[in-house]
Structures are given as C-alpha cells and as structure tokens.
C-alpha cells in the first residue's frame, strides 16, 4: 500500500483497520475507510476517493461503485446545500433534490 498522508484517517487507525483483513483483501477495506472518512469530515470528496484508491491500490471506479450503491455515504456535492454559494431561497430546492436521489440522506442530521 502507498503512503496514507493524504487520507484524513490517522495512520494508526489505518494500521488497525488493515490488521483486520488478510493480505490480498485490500478491497475489503473500502467500506470501513469510507465510513471513517465520513465520520471525520461529514462527507467523502473526490480527493478522498483518489487518496483511498491510491492507498489501497484499487481502481477508483471500485470506490465509486461503493459510494453509488450504498446511500449512507454523503458526497461533497451534497454539502453545497450548507454553503453560502447556494442562495437561501434555493437551499430547500437543492436539499429536496438530493433527498430524492438519496432518500437515506434525509434521515441524517
């Protein structure tokens, strides 16, 4: 595996996660790592995906598949609702759009 410096997960936590899986099963770390990234940042952005793919030596598309299949993961685009670039009168429209394409996101704080 490559350097983990660009991942938000501390190296010690990565080592602990890695120890849970035998050699050759790096792809099994995708979900635990994504969950931890989201816990730390509140979302998973493109830089996290690139860093995780590099760290685990798996194709980026493998991580994208997990993110698109499991609705508990929030992408950076969904955070745009909370940013000031979205006019206040449009935030509810944007939020309802994301809720429609990701119904489980509405349940999150």
N, C-alpha and C. Protein backbone atom coordinates (compact mmCIF):
# COMPACT_ATOMS: atom_id res chain seq x y z
N UNK A 1 0.84 -1.18 0.00
CA UNK A 1 0.00 0.00 0.00
C UNK A 1 0.89 1.24 0.00
N UNK A 2 0.36 2.33 -0.55
CA UNK A 2 1.13 3.56 -0.65
C UNK A 2 0.93 4.41 0.58
N UNK A 3 1.57 5.57 0.58
CA UNK A 3 1.52 6.49 1.70
C UNK A 3 0.08 6.92 2.00
N UNK A 4 -0.23 7.03 3.26
CA UNK A 4 -1.59 7.40 3.68
C UNK A 4 -1.68 8.86 4.09
N UNK A 5 -0.66 9.65 3.79
CA UNK A 5 -0.60 11.03 4.28
C UNK A 5 -1.77 11.89 3.81
N UNK A 6 -2.33 11.61 2.65
CA UNK A 6 -3.41 12.45 2.14
C UNK A 6 -4.79 12.01 2.62
N UNK A 7 -4.88 10.91 3.31
CA UNK A 7 -6.15 10.46 3.86
C UNK A 7 -6.40 11.14 5.20
N UNK A 8 -7.66 11.48 5.51
CA UNK A 8 -7.94 12.10 6.80
C UNK A 8 -7.88 11.13 7.98
N UNK A 9 -7.80 9.85 7.68
CA UNK A 9 -7.75 8.84 8.74
C UNK A 9 -6.32 8.76 9.29
N UNK A 10 -6.15 8.87 10.60
CA UNK A 10 -4.80 8.76 11.18
C UNK A 10 -4.15 7.42 10.83
N UNK A 11 -2.84 7.44 10.64
CA UNK A 11 -2.09 6.25 10.24
C UNK A 11 -2.31 5.08 11.20
N UNK A 12 -2.42 5.38 12.50
CA UNK A 12 -2.62 4.30 13.48
C UNK A 12 -3.96 3.60 13.25
N UNK A 13 -4.99 4.38 12.93
CA UNK A 13 -6.30 3.79 12.65
C UNK A 13 -6.27 2.95 11.39
N UNK A 14 -5.57 3.45 10.38
CA UNK A 14 -5.44 2.68 9.14
C UNK A 14 -4.74 1.35 9.39
N UNK A 15 -3.71 1.39 10.22
CA UNK A 15 -2.98 0.16 10.54
C UNK A 15 -3.89 -0.82 11.28
N UNK A 16 -4.71 -0.31 12.18
CA UNK A 16 -5.65 -1.16 12.92
C UNK A 16 -6.67 -1.78 11.98
N UNK A 17 -7.23 -0.96 11.08
CA UNK A 17 -8.18 -1.47 10.09
C UNK A 17 -7.52 -2.52 9.21
N UNK A 18 -6.33 -2.23 8.76
CA UNK A 18 -5.60 -3.12 7.86
C UNK A 18 -5.34 -4.47 8.52
N UNK A 19 -5.09 -4.46 9.80
CA UNK A 19 -4.79 -5.70 10.53
C UNK A 19 -6.01 -6.63 10.61
N UNK A 20 -7.19 -6.10 10.36
CA UNK A 20 -8.41 -6.91 10.41
C UNK A 20 -8.61 -7.78 9.18
N UNK A 21 -7.84 -7.53 8.13
CA UNK A 21 -8.03 -8.25 6.87
C UNK A 21 -6.73 -8.89 6.43
N UNK A 22 -6.79 -10.09 5.87
CA UNK A 22 -5.57 -10.75 5.41
C UNK A 22 -5.00 -10.08 4.16
N UNK A 23 -3.75 -10.31 3.90
CA UNK A 23 -3.09 -9.76 2.70
C UNK A 23 -3.85 -10.19 1.46
N UNK A 24 -3.96 -9.29 0.52
CA UNK A 24 -4.67 -9.59 -0.71
C UNK A 24 -6.14 -9.20 -0.68
N UNK A 25 -6.63 -8.75 0.46
CA UNK A 25 -8.03 -8.37 0.61
C UNK A 25 -8.17 -6.86 0.86
N UNK A 26 -7.31 -6.07 0.21
CA UNK A 26 -7.33 -4.62 0.40
C UNK A 26 -8.67 -4.01 0.02
N UNK A 27 -9.34 -4.61 -0.97
CA UNK A 27 -10.62 -4.05 -1.39
C UNK A 27 -11.68 -4.16 -0.29
N UNK A 28 -11.47 -5.06 0.65
CA UNK A 28 -12.39 -5.18 1.78
C UNK A 28 -12.32 -3.98 2.72
N UNK A 29 -11.27 -3.20 2.60
CA UNK A 29 -11.11 -2.02 3.44
C UNK A 29 -11.87 -0.80 2.93
N UNK A 30 -12.42 -0.88 1.73
CA UNK A 30 -13.08 0.29 1.14
C UNK A 30 -14.19 0.81 2.04
N UNK A 31 -15.13 -0.03 2.43
CA UNK A 31 -16.26 0.44 3.24
C UNK A 31 -15.84 0.95 4.62
N UNK A 32 -15.00 0.24 5.36
CA UNK A 32 -14.60 0.78 6.67
C UNK A 32 -13.87 2.13 6.53
N UNK A 33 -13.06 2.26 5.50
CA UNK A 33 -12.33 3.52 5.31
C UNK A 33 -13.28 4.65 4.91
N UNK A 34 -14.22 4.36 4.02
CA UNK A 34 -15.19 5.38 3.63
C UNK A 34 -16.02 5.83 4.83
N UNK A 35 -16.41 4.86 5.65
CA UNK A 35 -17.20 5.20 6.84
C UNK A 35 -16.40 6.12 7.76
N UNK A 36 -15.14 5.80 7.95
CA UNK A 36 -14.31 6.62 8.85
C UNK A 36 -14.05 8.01 8.27
N UNK A 37 -13.82 8.08 6.97
CA UNK A 37 -13.63 9.39 6.32
C UNK A 37 -14.87 10.25 6.53
N UNK A 38 -16.02 9.64 6.34
CA UNK A 38 -17.27 10.39 6.51
C UNK A 38 -17.46 10.82 7.96
N UNK A 39 -17.10 9.98 8.89
CA UNK A 39 -17.19 10.35 10.31
C UNK A 39 -16.31 11.55 10.62
N UNK A 40 -15.13 11.59 10.01
CA UNK A 40 -14.19 12.68 10.28
C UNK A 40 -14.55 13.97 9.57
N UNK A 41 -15.04 13.87 8.34
CA UNK A 41 -15.30 15.06 7.53
C UNK A 41 -16.78 15.38 7.34
N UNK A 42 -17.62 14.40 7.53
CA UNK A 42 -19.05 14.61 7.28
C UNK A 42 -19.43 14.30 5.84
N UNK A 43 -18.47 13.98 5.01
CA UNK A 43 -18.71 13.67 3.60
C UNK A 43 -17.46 12.99 3.03
N UNK A 44 -17.57 12.52 1.81
CA UNK A 44 -16.43 11.93 1.09
C UNK A 44 -16.28 12.74 -0.20
N UNK A 45 -15.13 13.36 -0.39
CA UNK A 45 -14.95 14.15 -1.60
C UNK A 45 -14.02 13.44 -2.59
N UNK A 46 -13.84 14.05 -3.75
CA UNK A 46 -13.03 13.43 -4.80
C UNK A 46 -11.59 13.18 -4.38
N UNK A 47 -11.02 14.10 -3.61
CA UNK A 47 -9.64 13.92 -3.15
C UNK A 47 -9.54 12.69 -2.24
N UNK A 48 -10.56 12.47 -1.41
CA UNK A 48 -10.58 11.28 -0.55
C UNK A 48 -10.64 10.00 -1.37
N UNK A 49 -11.43 10.03 -2.43
CA UNK A 49 -11.56 8.86 -3.30
C UNK A 49 -10.22 8.54 -3.95
N UNK A 50 -9.57 9.56 -4.48
CA UNK A 50 -8.26 9.37 -5.12
C UNK A 50 -7.23 8.84 -4.13
N UNK A 51 -7.20 9.44 -2.94
CA UNK A 51 -6.23 9.02 -1.93
C UNK A 51 -6.49 7.59 -1.47
N UNK A 52 -7.75 7.24 -1.29
CA UNK A 52 -8.09 5.89 -0.84
C UNK A 52 -7.76 4.86 -1.92
N UNK A 53 -8.07 5.18 -3.16
CA UNK A 53 -7.74 4.27 -4.26
C UNK A 53 -6.24 4.05 -4.34
N UNK A 54 -5.48 5.12 -4.18
CA UNK A 54 -4.03 5.00 -4.21
C UNK A 54 -3.51 4.20 -3.02
N UNK A 55 -4.03 4.48 -1.84
CA UNK A 55 -3.60 3.79 -0.63
C UNK A 55 -3.89 2.29 -0.70
N UNK A 56 -5.09 1.95 -1.15
CA UNK A 56 -5.48 0.54 -1.21
C UNK A 56 -5.03 -0.16 -2.49
N UNK A 57 -4.57 0.65 -3.44
CA UNK A 57 -4.17 0.11 -4.76
C UNK A 57 -5.33 -0.62 -5.43
N UNK A 58 -6.47 0.05 -5.42
CA UNK A 58 -7.65 -0.45 -6.12
C UNK A 58 -8.07 0.61 -7.12
N UNK A 59 -8.78 0.22 -8.17
CA UNK A 59 -9.24 1.22 -9.13
C UNK A 59 -10.22 2.19 -8.49
N UNK A 60 -10.16 3.45 -8.90
CA UNK A 60 -11.07 4.47 -8.38
C UNK A 60 -12.52 4.04 -8.57
N UNK A 61 -12.80 3.40 -9.71
CA UNK A 61 -14.17 3.01 -10.00
C UNK A 61 -14.72 2.05 -8.94
N UNK A 62 -13.87 1.26 -8.34
CA UNK A 62 -14.32 0.35 -7.29
C UNK A 62 -14.85 1.13 -6.08
N UNK A 63 -14.22 2.22 -5.76
CA UNK A 63 -14.68 3.06 -4.65
C UNK A 63 -15.94 3.81 -5.06
N UNK A 64 -15.97 4.29 -6.29
CA UNK A 64 -17.16 4.99 -6.81
C UNK A 64 -18.38 4.06 -6.78
N UNK A 65 -18.18 2.79 -7.11
CA UNK A 65 -19.29 1.82 -7.08
C UNK A 65 -19.87 1.70 -5.68
N UNK A 66 -19.01 1.62 -4.69
CA UNK A 66 -19.48 1.51 -3.31
C UNK A 66 -20.25 2.78 -2.93
N UNK A 67 -19.70 3.93 -3.28
CA UNK A 67 -20.36 5.20 -2.95
C UNK A 67 -21.71 5.35 -3.62
N UNK A 68 -21.83 4.85 -4.83
CA UNK A 68 -23.10 5.00 -5.54
C UNK A 68 -24.12 3.94 -5.11
N UNK A 69 -23.66 2.79 -4.65
CA UNK A 69 -24.58 1.73 -4.25
C UNK A 69 -25.15 1.95 -2.85
N UNK A 70 -24.27 2.31 -1.92
CA UNK A 70 -24.70 2.48 -0.53
C UNK A 70 -25.07 3.94 -0.28
N UNK A 71 -26.30 4.16 0.13
CA UNK A 71 -26.81 5.52 0.26
C UNK A 71 -26.39 6.23 1.55
N UNK A 72 -25.69 5.56 2.44
CA UNK A 72 -25.31 6.22 3.69
C UNK A 72 -24.13 7.17 3.50
N UNK A 73 -23.45 7.10 2.36
CA UNK A 73 -22.30 7.97 2.13
C UNK A 73 -22.73 9.28 1.50
N UNK A 74 -22.21 10.38 2.04
CA UNK A 74 -22.51 11.71 1.50
C UNK A 74 -21.32 12.17 0.67
N UNK A 75 -21.61 12.63 -0.52
CA UNK A 75 -20.57 13.16 -1.39
C UNK A 75 -20.43 14.66 -1.16
N UNK A 76 -19.34 15.21 -1.59
CA UNK A 76 -19.06 16.64 -1.45
C UNK A 76 -20.17 17.48 -2.06
N UNK A 77 -20.73 17.07 -3.18
CA UNK A 77 -21.76 17.86 -3.84
C UNK A 77 -22.95 18.10 -2.93
N UNK A 78 -23.28 17.16 -2.08
CA UNK A 78 -24.41 17.31 -1.19
C UNK A 78 -24.16 18.39 -0.14
N UNK A 79 -22.91 18.65 0.16
CA UNK A 79 -22.58 19.68 1.15
C UNK A 79 -22.82 21.07 0.61
N UNK A 80 -22.97 21.20 -0.70
CA UNK A 80 -23.18 22.53 -1.28
C UNK A 80 -24.43 23.19 -0.73
N UNK A 81 -25.38 22.40 -0.26
CA UNK A 81 -26.60 22.94 0.32
C UNK A 81 -26.28 23.79 1.54
N UNK A 82 -25.27 23.40 2.30
CA UNK A 82 -24.93 24.10 3.53
C UNK A 82 -24.01 25.29 3.30
N UNK A 83 -23.54 25.48 2.08
CA UNK A 83 -22.60 26.55 1.79
C UNK A 83 -23.32 27.83 1.40
N UNK A 84 -22.63 28.92 1.55
CA UNK A 84 -23.24 30.21 1.26
C UNK A 84 -23.44 30.47 -0.24
N UNK A 85 -22.77 29.74 -1.15
CA UNK A 85 -22.95 29.95 -2.57
C UNK A 85 -24.37 29.63 -3.03
N UNK A 86 -25.06 28.79 -2.29
CA UNK A 86 -26.44 28.46 -2.62
C UNK A 86 -27.32 29.52 -1.96
N UNK A 87 -28.06 30.30 -2.77
CA UNK A 87 -28.91 31.33 -2.18
C UNK A 87 -29.89 30.70 -1.19
N UNK A 88 -30.12 31.37 -0.08
CA UNK A 88 -31.01 30.81 0.95
C UNK A 88 -32.36 30.33 0.41
N UNK A 89 -32.94 31.07 -0.52
CA UNK A 89 -34.26 30.68 -1.04
C UNK A 89 -34.19 29.41 -1.89
N UNK A 90 -32.98 29.02 -2.33
CA UNK A 90 -32.82 27.83 -3.16
C UNK A 90 -32.37 26.61 -2.37
N UNK A 91 -31.97 26.78 -1.14
CA UNK A 91 -31.44 25.65 -0.36
C UNK A 91 -32.45 24.53 -0.19
N UNK A 92 -33.70 24.87 0.03
CA UNK A 92 -34.70 23.82 0.20
C UNK A 92 -34.92 23.06 -1.11
N UNK A 93 -34.82 23.75 -2.24
CA UNK A 93 -34.97 23.10 -3.55
C UNK A 93 -33.81 22.13 -3.78
N UNK A 94 -32.60 22.60 -3.51
CA UNK A 94 -31.42 21.74 -3.70
C UNK A 94 -31.46 20.57 -2.73
N UNK A 95 -31.82 20.84 -1.47
CA UNK A 95 -31.88 19.75 -0.47
C UNK A 95 -32.92 18.71 -0.88
N UNK A 96 -34.09 19.15 -1.36
CA UNK A 96 -35.12 18.18 -1.77
C UNK A 96 -34.65 17.35 -2.96
N UNK A 97 -33.86 17.97 -3.85
CA UNK A 97 -33.30 17.21 -4.98
C UNK A 97 -32.40 16.10 -4.46
N UNK A 98 -31.48 16.44 -3.56
CA UNK A 98 -30.58 15.42 -3.03
C UNK A 98 -31.34 14.37 -2.23
N UNK A 99 -32.38 14.78 -1.53
CA UNK A 99 -33.18 13.81 -0.79
C UNK A 99 -33.90 12.84 -1.73
N UNK A 100 -34.32 13.32 -2.89
CA UNK A 100 -34.98 12.44 -3.86
C UNK A 100 -34.02 11.44 -4.47
N UNK A 101 -32.78 11.88 -4.75
CA UNK A 101 -31.84 10.94 -5.36
C UNK A 101 -31.13 10.10 -4.32
N UNK A 102 -31.19 10.50 -3.05
CA UNK A 102 -30.55 9.76 -1.96
C UNK A 102 -31.46 9.84 -0.74
N UNK A 103 -32.56 9.08 -0.71
CA UNK A 103 -33.55 9.19 0.36
C UNK A 103 -33.00 9.02 1.77
N UNK A 104 -31.96 8.21 1.94
CA UNK A 104 -31.42 7.98 3.28
C UNK A 104 -30.71 9.21 3.81
N UNK A 105 -30.29 10.11 2.94
CA UNK A 105 -29.61 11.33 3.39
C UNK A 105 -30.53 12.22 4.21
N UNK A 106 -31.82 12.17 3.92
CA UNK A 106 -32.78 12.99 4.66
C UNK A 106 -32.85 12.58 6.13
N UNK A 107 -32.48 11.37 6.45
CA UNK A 107 -32.54 10.87 7.82
C UNK A 107 -31.33 11.31 8.65
N UNK A 108 -30.29 11.83 7.96
CA UNK A 108 -29.06 12.21 8.64
C UNK A 108 -29.19 13.60 9.23
N UNK A 109 -28.48 13.85 10.34
CA UNK A 109 -28.54 15.18 10.95
C UNK A 109 -27.88 16.21 10.05
